[in-house]
Each structure stands twice: as structure tokens, then as C-alpha cells.
Amino acid sequence: YLHKQIDLLAAIAAINVLGTVSAQAQCPAIRRNSMPKPDDQTPVQVGGPFALTILNSLDRPQEPAITARGWDRLAQESWIEQAALIKLMDDLSRNRQDAVNLVTVGLRSADQFPFPSEVDAVEVALALLNEVYQAGHRPTDPAVGWTLSIADPNEIILLSTTPYPADWEYGLIFGLTSRFRLTGQQFAVYQRPLGPQEQRYRVVLTPRT
């Protein structure tokens, strides 16, 4: 179904050694962690590069909240608790005075996600999302992440079991589709919740000519 013959295994391996430069910050490649399988006592952590794709996508009014948590100078090699990052996202989105639009944050995050230069197709970028997620979190859990299936050459289904807000995920998937689509290609992204921590995203692309 892929319109370009790209070696996915090589692209996945390249994530560990290549990076990309965004307009806001330089995010080196997300390196695979070596933590053991999680248990009930082990809090999940987010690596600096993955966390920064979110933090660097927030606006200036949110800087005090980031600084209060000591994340204003977060190093690339740092790890922070995933639950604390998600709580920040939820709190900011519910702020009555200056609520953050998490869809917009997801759109900005998509521009910063590190992919090797060989990735230049929507299907490949979305297929690599789970690898990027697993590499950017520790300990890893194979039951948590993104699963992709291709219904036909113009329809991609993503199932998410991550704890990140659905609005942020929607913006991320929309942004990645926009980033890697063919020039002038139209598309739509549809979201449907399947459970407390399970979302279905359907990406529909116009037929290729």
C-alpha cells in the first residue's frame, strides 16, 4: 500500500541516530531506552526530546506553569514523570482565564517530531508513531501506544491506548498528515473514543493522481 518503497526497519533504526530542527527548538533523535517492563510501582517517565515537543508548543502565558515545575530548562537527556506532564496539559486546557487548545499544541508538536529524512510519506510517518512513543518513554509497555492499519491506499486507521489527551493526539495526527502528504493532497481526520483510554483515528486522503 505504500506509494514509495521505503525500508521501514531502516527508518525505525534511523530514529535512534537522526534528529530534526523545528522552528522553535532543536530536538535530537529520541533514543531507545533500556528500562525493564513496568510494574504497578514504577511511574512512567517521558524523555526530554518527547516532552519538549509538547512544552515547546505552548505559548508564553503558560511559561510560569512550566517554570514552576522546573521544566523551563529541561535538558534533552532528562526524564520527567508522564503523569505530571499530562496533568499540566489537562490543567492548562481547563484554565478558565486562558485555556490552552490542545489540538493546536498537537499541531505544533507534529512539526517537531523527529523523523529521519527517508520518511516522506504519511503512511510511513504514522506507522513510526508507536516506535517514537516507545523510545520516548520508560519503562515501556507494549500494550500502551499506537497501532496502525491501512484499510486501503487512501485510508489509515490508528488505534491509541496512550494516556495523552485525545485533543493533543488529534492535533498531532492531523499535523503529521499535513506535514507528509503529497503537495496539494486533501485529507480529513476523524476521531472516535472507544474507551476511557482508547481512541480511534481515521485518516482519509484524496486518491493519488
N, C-alpha and C. Protein backbone atom coordinates (compact mmCIF):
# COMPACT_ATOMS: atom_id res chain seq x y z
N TYR A 1 0.81 -1.22 0.00
CA TYR A 1 0.00 0.00 0.00
C TYR A 1 0.84 1.27 0.00
N LEU A 2 2.10 1.18 0.35
CA LEU A 2 2.92 2.37 0.40
C LEU A 2 3.29 2.79 -1.01
N HIS A 3 3.11 4.08 -1.32
CA HIS A 3 3.39 4.54 -2.68
C HIS A 3 4.87 4.74 -2.91
N LYS A 4 5.67 4.68 -1.86
CA LYS A 4 7.11 4.78 -2.02
C LYS A 4 7.74 3.59 -1.32
N GLN A 5 8.73 2.97 -1.94
CA GLN A 5 9.38 1.82 -1.35
C GLN A 5 10.42 2.30 -0.36
N ILE A 6 10.01 2.34 0.92
CA ILE A 6 10.89 2.79 1.99
C ILE A 6 11.07 1.63 2.96
N ASP A 7 12.29 1.35 3.32
CA ASP A 7 12.58 0.28 4.25
C ASP A 7 12.21 0.75 5.66
N LEU A 8 11.11 0.24 6.20
CA LEU A 8 10.64 0.68 7.50
C LEU A 8 11.62 0.34 8.60
N LEU A 9 12.25 -0.81 8.50
CA LEU A 9 13.19 -1.18 9.55
C LEU A 9 14.36 -0.21 9.60
N ALA A 10 14.84 0.20 8.42
CA ALA A 10 15.93 1.17 8.38
C ALA A 10 15.47 2.52 8.92
N ALA A 11 14.24 2.89 8.60
CA ALA A 11 13.73 4.17 9.10
C ALA A 11 13.59 4.16 10.61
N ILE A 12 13.11 3.02 11.14
CA ILE A 12 12.98 2.91 12.59
C ILE A 12 14.34 3.01 13.26
N ALA A 13 15.32 2.30 12.70
CA ALA A 13 16.66 2.35 13.28
C ALA A 13 17.23 3.76 13.22
N ALA A 14 16.89 4.49 12.16
CA ALA A 14 17.43 5.83 11.99
C ALA A 14 16.92 6.80 13.04
N ILE A 15 15.76 6.50 13.62
CA ILE A 15 15.21 7.38 14.65
C ILE A 15 16.19 7.51 15.81
N ASN A 16 16.98 6.48 16.05
CA ASN A 16 17.89 6.49 17.18
C ASN A 16 19.14 7.32 16.94
N VAL A 17 19.39 7.73 15.70
CA VAL A 17 20.63 8.45 15.44
C VAL A 17 20.43 9.76 14.71
N LEU A 18 19.23 10.01 14.20
CA LEU A 18 18.99 11.23 13.45
C LEU A 18 18.04 12.13 14.20
N GLY A 19 18.07 13.41 13.92
CA GLY A 19 17.16 14.36 14.55
C GLY A 19 16.62 15.32 13.52
N THR A 20 15.80 16.26 13.99
CA THR A 20 15.25 17.27 13.10
C THR A 20 15.23 18.60 13.82
N VAL A 21 15.30 19.69 13.09
CA VAL A 21 15.29 21.02 13.68
C VAL A 21 13.95 21.66 13.39
N SER A 22 13.28 22.10 14.44
CA SER A 22 12.00 22.78 14.27
C SER A 22 12.22 24.28 14.36
N ALA A 23 11.14 25.04 14.11
CA ALA A 23 11.24 26.49 14.18
C ALA A 23 11.46 26.96 15.61
N GLN A 24 11.04 26.13 16.60
CA GLN A 24 11.11 26.57 17.98
C GLN A 24 12.30 26.00 18.73
N ALA A 25 12.68 24.76 18.42
CA ALA A 25 13.74 24.14 19.20
C ALA A 25 14.34 22.99 18.43
N GLN A 26 15.57 22.67 18.75
CA GLN A 26 16.21 21.53 18.13
C GLN A 26 15.96 20.31 18.98
N CYS A 27 15.32 19.29 18.40
CA CYS A 27 15.01 18.08 19.12
C CYS A 27 15.82 16.93 18.53
N PRO A 28 16.91 16.52 19.18
CA PRO A 28 17.67 15.39 18.66
C PRO A 28 16.84 14.13 18.70
N ALA A 29 17.34 13.11 18.04
CA ALA A 29 16.58 11.88 17.91
C ALA A 29 16.22 11.32 19.28
N ILE A 30 15.05 10.73 19.36
CA ILE A 30 14.62 10.08 20.58
C ILE A 30 15.31 8.72 20.63
N ARG A 31 16.13 8.51 21.61
CA ARG A 31 16.88 7.28 21.70
C ARG A 31 16.10 6.23 22.49
N ARG A 32 16.21 4.99 22.05
CA ARG A 32 15.52 3.90 22.71
C ARG A 32 16.02 3.74 24.14
N ASN A 33 15.10 3.60 25.08
CA ASN A 33 15.51 3.41 26.46
C ASN A 33 15.72 1.93 26.73
N SER A 34 16.32 1.64 27.86
CA SER A 34 16.62 0.25 28.19
C SER A 34 16.03 -0.15 29.53
N MET A 35 14.93 0.49 29.89
CA MET A 35 14.31 0.19 31.18
C MET A 35 13.55 -1.13 31.11
N PRO A 36 13.36 -1.80 32.26
CA PRO A 36 12.62 -3.06 32.26
C PRO A 36 11.14 -2.86 32.06
N LYS A 37 10.42 -3.96 31.90
CA LYS A 37 8.98 -3.91 31.76
C LYS A 37 8.36 -3.28 33.01
N PRO A 38 7.34 -2.40 32.85
CA PRO A 38 6.79 -1.70 34.01
C PRO A 38 6.03 -2.61 34.95
N ASP A 39 5.94 -2.20 36.19
CA ASP A 39 5.05 -2.85 37.14
C ASP A 39 4.22 -1.76 37.80
N ASP A 40 3.36 -2.16 38.72
CA ASP A 40 2.43 -1.21 39.32
C ASP A 40 3.13 -0.13 40.15
N GLN A 41 4.40 -0.36 40.53
CA GLN A 41 5.10 0.57 41.39
C GLN A 41 6.03 1.50 40.61
N THR A 42 6.13 1.32 39.33
CA THR A 42 7.08 2.09 38.53
C THR A 42 6.36 3.19 37.76
N PRO A 43 6.56 4.46 38.11
CA PRO A 43 5.92 5.54 37.35
C PRO A 43 6.55 5.67 35.97
N VAL A 44 5.72 5.85 34.97
CA VAL A 44 6.22 6.02 33.60
C VAL A 44 6.85 7.39 33.47
N GLN A 45 7.99 7.46 32.79
CA GLN A 45 8.70 8.71 32.57
C GLN A 45 8.74 9.03 31.07
N VAL A 46 8.85 10.32 30.79
CA VAL A 46 8.94 10.82 29.41
C VAL A 46 10.32 11.41 29.20
N GLY A 47 10.96 11.03 28.11
CA GLY A 47 12.28 11.56 27.79
C GLY A 47 12.22 13.02 27.36
N GLY A 48 13.32 13.73 27.57
CA GLY A 48 13.37 15.15 27.24
C GLY A 48 12.93 15.49 25.83
N PRO A 49 13.44 14.82 24.78
CA PRO A 49 13.04 15.19 23.42
C PRO A 49 11.54 15.07 23.18
N PHE A 50 10.90 13.99 23.68
CA PHE A 50 9.46 13.82 23.50
C PHE A 50 8.70 14.89 24.28
N ALA A 51 9.10 15.11 25.55
CA ALA A 51 8.43 16.11 26.38
C ALA A 51 8.55 17.50 25.78
N LEU A 52 9.70 17.81 25.20
CA LEU A 52 9.93 19.14 24.65
C LEU A 52 9.07 19.42 23.41
N THR A 53 8.69 18.38 22.68
CA THR A 53 7.79 18.62 21.55
C THR A 53 6.46 19.16 22.04
N ILE A 54 6.10 18.87 23.30
CA ILE A 54 4.87 19.39 23.89
C ILE A 54 5.14 20.74 24.56
N LEU A 55 6.15 20.79 25.42
CA LEU A 55 6.42 22.02 26.17
C LEU A 55 6.77 23.18 25.25
N ASN A 56 7.55 22.91 24.19
CA ASN A 56 7.92 23.98 23.26
C ASN A 56 6.76 24.45 22.39
N SER A 57 5.64 23.71 22.46
CA SER A 57 4.47 24.07 21.66
C SER A 57 3.46 24.91 22.42
N LEU A 58 3.76 25.18 23.69
CA LEU A 58 2.89 26.03 24.49
C LEU A 58 3.23 27.50 24.27
N ASP A 59 2.33 28.39 24.62
CA ASP A 59 2.53 29.81 24.41
C ASP A 59 3.13 30.49 25.64
N ARG A 60 3.52 31.74 25.47
CA ARG A 60 4.17 32.48 26.55
C ARG A 60 3.34 32.53 27.84
N PRO A 61 2.01 32.69 27.79
CA PRO A 61 1.26 32.72 29.05
C PRO A 61 1.39 31.45 29.89
N GLN A 62 1.80 30.35 29.27
CA GLN A 62 1.94 29.10 30.01
C GLN A 62 3.34 28.92 30.62
N GLU A 63 4.24 29.84 30.33
CA GLU A 63 5.62 29.71 30.81
C GLU A 63 5.72 29.64 32.35
N PRO A 64 4.94 30.43 33.12
CA PRO A 64 5.03 30.31 34.58
C PRO A 64 4.71 28.91 35.09
N ALA A 65 3.74 28.25 34.48
CA ALA A 65 3.38 26.89 34.91
C ALA A 65 4.52 25.92 34.61
N ILE A 66 5.20 26.13 33.50
CA ILE A 66 6.34 25.27 33.14
C ILE A 66 7.50 25.53 34.09
N THR A 67 7.77 26.80 34.36
CA THR A 67 8.86 27.17 35.26
C THR A 67 8.62 26.64 36.67
N ALA A 68 7.37 26.70 37.14
CA ALA A 68 7.04 26.24 38.49
C ALA A 68 7.37 24.77 38.69
N ARG A 69 7.38 24.02 37.60
CA ARG A 69 7.69 22.59 37.68
C ARG A 69 9.16 22.30 37.39
N GLY A 70 9.93 23.37 37.15
CA GLY A 70 11.35 23.18 36.87
C GLY A 70 11.64 22.66 35.49
N TRP A 71 10.69 22.84 34.57
CA TRP A 71 10.85 22.31 33.21
C TRP A 71 11.23 23.38 32.20
N ASP A 72 11.49 24.61 32.67
CA ASP A 72 11.80 25.68 31.73
C ASP A 72 13.17 25.49 31.08
N ARG A 73 14.03 24.72 31.71
CA ARG A 73 15.34 24.43 31.14
C ARG A 73 15.55 22.91 31.08
N LEU A 74 14.55 22.22 30.65
CA LEU A 74 14.60 20.77 30.58
C LEU A 74 15.67 20.33 29.58
N ALA A 75 16.58 19.49 30.03
CA ALA A 75 17.66 19.01 29.17
C ALA A 75 17.17 17.85 28.30
N GLN A 76 17.81 17.70 27.15
CA GLN A 76 17.43 16.63 26.24
C GLN A 76 17.56 15.26 26.90
N GLU A 77 18.55 15.11 27.77
CA GLU A 77 18.79 13.80 28.38
C GLU A 77 17.96 13.58 29.65
N SER A 78 17.12 14.54 30.02
CA SER A 78 16.32 14.43 31.23
C SER A 78 15.11 13.52 31.02
N TRP A 79 14.57 13.07 32.16
CA TRP A 79 13.32 12.29 32.15
C TRP A 79 12.40 12.89 33.21
N ILE A 80 11.12 13.05 32.87
CA ILE A 80 10.14 13.57 33.81
C ILE A 80 8.96 12.61 33.88
N GLU A 81 8.18 12.71 34.94
CA GLU A 81 7.05 11.79 35.08
C GLU A 81 5.96 12.12 34.07
N GLN A 82 5.50 11.08 33.39
CA GLN A 82 4.45 11.26 32.38
C GLN A 82 3.16 11.79 33.02
N ALA A 83 2.82 11.29 34.20
CA ALA A 83 1.58 11.72 34.85
C ALA A 83 1.60 13.21 35.13
N ALA A 84 2.78 13.75 35.52
CA ALA A 84 2.89 15.18 35.80
C ALA A 84 2.74 15.99 34.53
N LEU A 85 3.30 15.51 33.42
CA LEU A 85 3.18 16.23 32.15
C LEU A 85 1.73 16.24 31.67
N ILE A 86 1.06 15.11 31.78
CA ILE A 86 -0.34 15.03 31.36
C ILE A 86 -1.23 15.90 32.25
N LYS A 87 -0.93 15.93 33.54
CA LYS A 87 -1.70 16.80 34.45
C LYS A 87 -1.53 18.26 34.06
N LEU A 88 -0.30 18.65 33.70
CA LEU A 88 -0.08 20.02 33.25
C LEU A 88 -0.94 20.31 32.02
N MET A 89 -0.95 19.41 31.05
CA MET A 89 -1.75 19.61 29.84
C MET A 89 -3.23 19.74 30.17
N ASP A 90 -3.71 18.85 31.06
CA ASP A 90 -5.12 18.91 31.44
C ASP A 90 -5.45 20.21 32.18
N ASP A 91 -4.57 20.58 33.12
CA ASP A 91 -4.81 21.81 33.89
C ASP A 91 -4.86 23.04 32.98
N LEU A 92 -3.91 23.12 32.05
CA LEU A 92 -3.87 24.28 31.16
C LEU A 92 -5.07 24.32 30.23
N SER A 93 -5.56 23.17 29.82
CA SER A 93 -6.71 23.14 28.91
C SER A 93 -8.00 23.52 29.62
N ARG A 94 -8.00 23.44 30.98
CA ARG A 94 -9.20 23.75 31.75
C ARG A 94 -9.11 25.09 32.45
N ASN A 95 -8.05 25.83 32.19
CA ASN A 95 -7.87 27.14 32.80
C ASN A 95 -8.95 28.09 32.27
N ARG A 96 -9.77 28.59 33.16
CA ARG A 96 -10.89 29.43 32.73
C ARG A 96 -10.44 30.76 32.14
N GLN A 97 -9.32 31.28 32.63
CA GLN A 97 -8.87 32.59 32.18
C GLN A 97 -8.13 32.52 30.84
N ASP A 98 -7.34 31.47 30.63
CA ASP A 98 -6.53 31.40 29.41
C ASP A 98 -6.34 29.94 29.03
N ALA A 99 -7.44 29.29 28.65
CA ALA A 99 -7.41 27.87 28.35
C ALA A 99 -6.54 27.58 27.13
N VAL A 100 -5.78 26.51 27.20
CA VAL A 100 -4.92 26.08 26.10
C VAL A 100 -5.71 25.15 25.18
N ASN A 101 -5.60 25.38 23.89
CA ASN A 101 -6.22 24.49 22.91
C ASN A 101 -5.22 23.36 22.62
N LEU A 102 -5.51 22.17 23.11
CA LEU A 102 -4.57 21.06 22.96
C LEU A 102 -4.47 20.56 21.52
N VAL A 103 -5.48 20.82 20.71
CA VAL A 103 -5.38 20.48 19.29
C VAL A 103 -4.26 21.31 18.65
N THR A 104 -4.23 22.59 18.98
CA THR A 104 -3.18 23.48 18.47
C THR A 104 -1.81 23.02 18.95
N VAL A 105 -1.72 22.62 20.21
CA VAL A 105 -0.45 22.13 20.75
C VAL A 105 -0.01 20.88 19.99
N GLY A 106 -0.96 20.00 19.67
CA GLY A 106 -0.63 18.81 18.89
C GLY A 106 -0.15 19.14 17.49
N LEU A 107 -0.77 20.12 16.87
CA LEU A 107 -0.35 20.55 15.54
C LEU A 107 1.10 21.04 15.57
N ARG A 108 1.45 21.81 16.59
CA ARG A 108 2.81 22.32 16.71
C ARG A 108 3.78 21.19 17.03
N SER A 109 3.35 20.25 17.86
CA SER A 109 4.20 19.11 18.20
C SER A 109 4.57 18.31 16.95
N ALA A 110 3.63 18.21 16.03
CA ALA A 110 3.88 17.43 14.81
C ALA A 110 5.06 17.97 14.02
N ASP A 111 5.27 19.27 14.06
CA ASP A 111 6.39 19.87 13.34
C ASP A 111 7.73 19.55 13.98
N GLN A 112 7.70 19.15 15.25
CA GLN A 112 8.94 18.91 16.00
C GLN A 112 9.27 17.43 16.15
N PHE A 113 8.33 16.55 15.82
CA PHE A 113 8.61 15.12 15.98
C PHE A 113 9.79 14.73 15.11
N PRO A 114 10.79 14.07 15.70
CA PRO A 114 12.00 13.72 14.93
C PRO A 114 11.81 12.48 14.07
N PHE A 115 11.90 12.68 12.77
CA PHE A 115 11.87 11.57 11.83
C PHE A 115 13.09 11.65 10.93
N PRO A 116 13.65 10.51 10.52
CA PRO A 116 14.76 10.55 9.56
C PRO A 116 14.31 11.10 8.22
N SER A 117 15.24 11.60 7.46
CA SER A 117 14.91 12.25 6.19
C SER A 117 14.29 11.28 5.19
N GLU A 118 14.51 9.98 5.38
CA GLU A 118 13.93 9.00 4.45
C GLU A 118 12.42 8.93 4.55
N VAL A 119 11.88 9.41 5.65
CA VAL A 119 10.42 9.35 5.84
C VAL A 119 9.79 10.55 5.14
N ASP A 120 9.08 10.28 4.07
CA ASP A 120 8.45 11.38 3.32
C ASP A 120 7.07 10.96 2.81
N ALA A 121 6.40 10.10 3.55
CA ALA A 121 5.05 9.67 3.20
C ALA A 121 4.21 9.58 4.47
N VAL A 122 2.93 9.93 4.36
CA VAL A 122 2.04 9.92 5.52
C VAL A 122 2.01 8.55 6.18
N GLU A 123 1.86 7.49 5.34
CA GLU A 123 1.73 6.14 5.89
C GLU A 123 2.94 5.75 6.72
N VAL A 124 4.11 6.12 6.26
CA VAL A 124 5.33 5.73 6.96
C VAL A 124 5.47 6.51 8.27
N ALA A 125 5.19 7.80 8.23
CA ALA A 125 5.31 8.62 9.44
C ALA A 125 4.35 8.11 10.52
N LEU A 126 3.11 7.82 10.14
CA LEU A 126 2.14 7.34 11.13
C LEU A 126 2.48 5.93 11.60
N ALA A 127 3.08 5.12 10.73
CA ALA A 127 3.49 3.78 11.12
C ALA A 127 4.61 3.82 12.16
N LEU A 128 5.40 4.89 12.14
CA LEU A 128 6.52 5.02 13.07
C LEU A 128 6.11 5.66 14.40
N LEU A 129 4.88 6.14 14.51
CA LEU A 129 4.46 6.83 15.73
C LEU A 129 4.67 5.96 16.97
N ASN A 130 4.31 4.69 16.88
CA ASN A 130 4.44 3.84 18.07
C ASN A 130 5.89 3.64 18.44
N GLU A 131 6.78 3.52 17.45
CA GLU A 131 8.20 3.38 17.74
C GLU A 131 8.73 4.62 18.44
N VAL A 132 8.30 5.78 17.98
CA VAL A 132 8.72 7.03 18.62
C VAL A 132 8.20 7.10 20.05
N TYR A 133 6.94 6.65 20.25
CA TYR A 133 6.36 6.66 21.59
C TYR A 133 7.15 5.73 22.52
N GLN A 134 7.40 4.52 22.09
CA GLN A 134 8.10 3.56 22.94
C GLN A 134 9.52 4.03 23.25
N ALA A 135 10.19 4.64 22.28
CA ALA A 135 11.54 5.11 22.50
C ALA A 135 11.59 6.30 23.44
N GLY A 136 10.49 7.05 23.51
CA GLY A 136 10.47 8.27 24.32
C GLY A 136 9.89 8.10 25.70
N HIS A 137 9.60 6.87 26.10
CA HIS A 137 9.02 6.61 27.42
C HIS A 137 9.73 5.43 28.08
N ARG A 138 9.78 5.47 29.39
CA ARG A 138 10.33 4.35 30.15
C ARG A 138 9.61 4.22 31.48
N PRO A 139 9.41 3.01 32.00
CA PRO A 139 9.58 1.75 31.29
C PRO A 139 8.53 1.61 30.19
N THR A 140 8.82 0.79 29.21
CA THR A 140 7.89 0.62 28.10
C THR A 140 6.86 -0.44 28.43
N ASP A 141 5.71 -0.30 27.80
CA ASP A 141 4.63 -1.28 27.95
C ASP A 141 4.06 -1.51 26.55
N PRO A 142 4.21 -2.72 26.01
CA PRO A 142 3.74 -2.97 24.64
C PRO A 142 2.24 -2.78 24.47
N ALA A 143 1.50 -2.78 25.58
CA ALA A 143 0.05 -2.59 25.48
C ALA A 143 -0.34 -1.12 25.38
N VAL A 144 0.63 -0.22 25.54
CA VAL A 144 0.35 1.22 25.50
C VAL A 144 1.08 1.82 24.32
N GLY A 145 0.35 2.52 23.47
CA GLY A 145 0.97 3.14 22.31
C GLY A 145 -0.03 3.30 21.19
N TRP A 146 0.46 3.28 19.95
CA TRP A 146 -0.38 3.42 18.76
C TRP A 146 -0.25 2.20 17.87
N THR A 147 -1.37 1.76 17.33
CA THR A 147 -1.39 0.63 16.39
C THR A 147 -1.99 1.12 15.08
N LEU A 148 -1.31 0.82 13.97
CA LEU A 148 -1.76 1.31 12.66
C LEU A 148 -2.24 0.17 11.79
N SER A 149 -3.28 0.45 11.02
CA SER A 149 -3.72 -0.45 9.97
C SER A 149 -4.14 0.38 8.77
N ILE A 150 -3.95 -0.17 7.58
CA ILE A 150 -4.29 0.55 6.35
C ILE A 150 -5.47 -0.16 5.69
N ALA A 151 -6.62 0.49 5.72
CA ALA A 151 -7.83 -0.10 5.17
C ALA A 151 -7.76 -0.19 3.65
N ASP A 152 -7.26 0.87 3.03
CA ASP A 152 -6.98 0.90 1.59
C ASP A 152 -5.93 1.97 1.39
N PRO A 153 -5.41 2.15 0.16
CA PRO A 153 -4.31 3.10 -0.03
C PRO A 153 -4.61 4.53 0.42
N ASN A 154 -5.88 4.86 0.59
CA ASN A 154 -6.24 6.23 0.95
C ASN A 154 -6.91 6.34 2.32
N GLU A 155 -6.84 5.28 3.11
CA GLU A 155 -7.47 5.31 4.43
C GLU A 155 -6.58 4.62 5.45
N ILE A 156 -6.23 5.35 6.51
CA ILE A 156 -5.34 4.84 7.55
C ILE A 156 -6.09 4.89 8.88
N ILE A 157 -6.00 3.80 9.63
CA ILE A 157 -6.64 3.71 10.94
C ILE A 157 -5.56 3.64 12.01
N LEU A 158 -5.67 4.50 13.02
CA LEU A 158 -4.76 4.49 14.16
C LEU A 158 -5.57 4.25 15.43
N LEU A 159 -5.17 3.23 16.19
CA LEU A 159 -5.77 2.99 17.50
C LEU A 159 -4.77 3.43 18.56
N SER A 160 -5.22 4.24 19.50
CA SER A 160 -4.35 4.76 20.54
C SER A 160 -4.79 4.24 21.90
N THR A 161 -3.79 3.79 22.68
CA THR A 161 -4.04 3.41 24.07
C THR A 161 -3.14 4.23 25.00
N THR A 162 -2.66 5.38 24.53
CA THR A 162 -1.80 6.22 25.36
C THR A 162 -2.67 7.05 26.31
N PRO A 163 -2.10 7.52 27.41
CA PRO A 163 -2.87 8.35 28.34
C PRO A 163 -2.91 9.82 27.97
N TYR A 164 -2.29 10.20 26.84
CA TYR A 164 -2.28 11.62 26.47
C TYR A 164 -3.67 12.07 26.05
N PRO A 165 -3.98 13.36 26.26
CA PRO A 165 -5.31 13.87 25.90
C PRO A 165 -5.63 13.64 24.44
N ALA A 166 -6.86 13.26 24.17
CA ALA A 166 -7.28 12.96 22.80
C ALA A 166 -7.15 14.18 21.89
N ASP A 167 -7.40 15.37 22.42
CA ASP A 167 -7.29 16.57 21.58
C ASP A 167 -5.86 16.77 21.11
N TRP A 168 -4.89 16.51 21.99
CA TRP A 168 -3.48 16.63 21.58
C TRP A 168 -3.15 15.58 20.52
N GLU A 169 -3.61 14.36 20.72
CA GLU A 169 -3.34 13.30 19.74
C GLU A 169 -3.97 13.65 18.39
N TYR A 170 -5.19 14.17 18.42
CA TYR A 170 -5.84 14.55 17.16
C TYR A 170 -5.00 15.59 16.41
N GLY A 171 -4.57 16.62 17.14
CA GLY A 171 -3.74 17.65 16.51
C GLY A 171 -2.44 17.08 15.98
N LEU A 172 -1.83 16.16 16.74
CA LEU A 172 -0.58 15.54 16.30
C LEU A 172 -0.77 14.76 15.01
N ILE A 173 -1.80 13.93 14.95
CA ILE A 173 -2.05 13.12 13.76
C ILE A 173 -2.42 14.01 12.57
N PHE A 174 -3.24 15.03 12.81
CA PHE A 174 -3.60 15.97 11.74
C PHE A 174 -2.34 16.67 11.23
N GLY A 175 -1.49 17.11 12.17
CA GLY A 175 -0.27 17.83 11.79
C GLY A 175 0.71 16.95 11.03
N LEU A 176 0.87 15.70 11.45
CA LEU A 176 1.79 14.80 10.73
C LEU A 176 1.26 14.48 9.34
N THR A 177 -0.05 14.32 9.22
CA THR A 177 -0.63 14.08 7.90
C THR A 177 -0.40 15.27 6.99
N SER A 178 -0.58 16.47 7.52
CA SER A 178 -0.33 17.68 6.73
C SER A 178 1.14 17.80 6.36
N ARG A 179 2.01 17.44 7.28
CA ARG A 179 3.46 17.55 7.05
C ARG A 179 3.96 16.61 5.96
N PHE A 180 3.41 15.40 5.89
CA PHE A 180 3.95 14.39 4.98
C PHE A 180 3.04 14.07 3.79
N ARG A 181 1.93 14.74 3.64
CA ARG A 181 1.06 14.48 2.50
C ARG A 181 1.72 14.93 1.21
N LEU A 182 1.18 14.44 0.10
CA LEU A 182 1.64 14.91 -1.20
C LEU A 182 1.23 16.37 -1.38
N THR A 183 2.00 17.11 -2.15
CA THR A 183 1.69 18.52 -2.38
C THR A 183 0.28 18.67 -2.94
N GLY A 184 -0.51 19.46 -2.27
CA GLY A 184 -1.87 19.72 -2.73
C GLY A 184 -2.88 18.65 -2.38
N GLN A 185 -2.45 17.58 -1.73
CA GLN A 185 -3.37 16.49 -1.40
C GLN A 185 -4.29 16.90 -0.25
N GLN A 186 -5.58 16.65 -0.41
CA GLN A 186 -6.56 16.96 0.63
C GLN A 186 -6.72 15.76 1.56
N PHE A 187 -7.14 16.03 2.80
CA PHE A 187 -7.33 14.93 3.74
C PHE A 187 -8.28 15.36 4.84
N ALA A 188 -8.73 14.38 5.60
CA ALA A 188 -9.57 14.63 6.78
C ALA A 188 -9.18 13.62 7.85
N VAL A 189 -9.32 14.03 9.11
CA VAL A 189 -9.03 13.15 10.24
C VAL A 189 -10.27 13.08 11.12
N TYR A 190 -10.70 11.86 11.42
CA TYR A 190 -11.88 11.64 12.25
C TYR A 190 -11.47 10.91 13.53
N GLN A 191 -12.07 11.29 14.63
CA GLN A 191 -11.74 10.70 15.94
C GLN A 191 -12.99 10.08 16.56
N ARG A 192 -12.80 8.91 17.18
CA ARG A 192 -13.91 8.27 17.90
C ARG A 192 -13.37 7.60 19.16
N PRO A 193 -13.89 7.96 20.33
CA PRO A 193 -13.45 7.29 21.56
C PRO A 193 -13.99 5.87 21.63
N LEU A 194 -13.14 4.94 22.07
CA LEU A 194 -13.54 3.54 22.21
C LEU A 194 -13.60 3.11 23.67
N GLY A 195 -13.00 3.90 24.53
CA GLY A 195 -12.97 3.56 25.95
C GLY A 195 -12.30 4.65 26.73
N PRO A 196 -12.13 4.48 28.05
CA PRO A 196 -11.51 5.51 28.89
C PRO A 196 -10.13 5.93 28.42
N GLN A 197 -9.35 4.97 27.89
CA GLN A 197 -8.01 5.30 27.39
C GLN A 197 -7.78 4.60 26.07
N GLU A 198 -8.73 4.76 25.18
CA GLU A 198 -8.61 4.17 23.84
C GLU A 198 -9.35 5.03 22.84
N GLN A 199 -8.63 5.44 21.81
CA GLN A 199 -9.19 6.31 20.78
C GLN A 199 -8.93 5.69 19.40
N ARG A 200 -9.85 5.96 18.49
CA ARG A 200 -9.69 5.53 17.10
C ARG A 200 -9.61 6.77 16.22
N TYR A 201 -8.55 6.85 15.42
CA TYR A 201 -8.38 7.96 14.49
C TYR A 201 -8.38 7.41 13.07
N ARG A 202 -9.17 8.05 12.23
CA ARG A 202 -9.29 7.61 10.83
C ARG A 202 -8.81 8.73 9.93
N VAL A 203 -7.77 8.48 9.16
CA VAL A 203 -7.20 9.46 8.25
C VAL A 203 -7.62 9.09 6.84
N VAL A 204 -8.32 9.99 6.17
CA VAL A 204 -8.80 9.75 4.81
C VAL A 204 -8.10 10.74 3.88
N LEU A 205 -7.40 10.22 2.88
CA LEU A 205 -6.66 11.04 1.93
C LEU A 205 -7.35 11.01 0.58
N THR A 206 -7.25 12.08 -0.19
CA THR A 206 -7.77 12.06 -1.54
C THR A 206 -6.93 11.11 -2.38
N PRO A 207 -7.54 10.43 -3.37
CA PRO A 207 -6.79 9.49 -4.20
C PRO A 207 -5.59 10.16 -4.87
N ARG A 208 -4.53 9.41 -4.97
CA ARG A 208 -3.33 9.93 -5.63
C ARG A 208 -3.51 9.94 -7.12
N THR A 209 -2.96 10.92 -7.78
CA THR A 209 -3.07 11.01 -9.23
C THR A 209 -1.72 10.81 -9.88
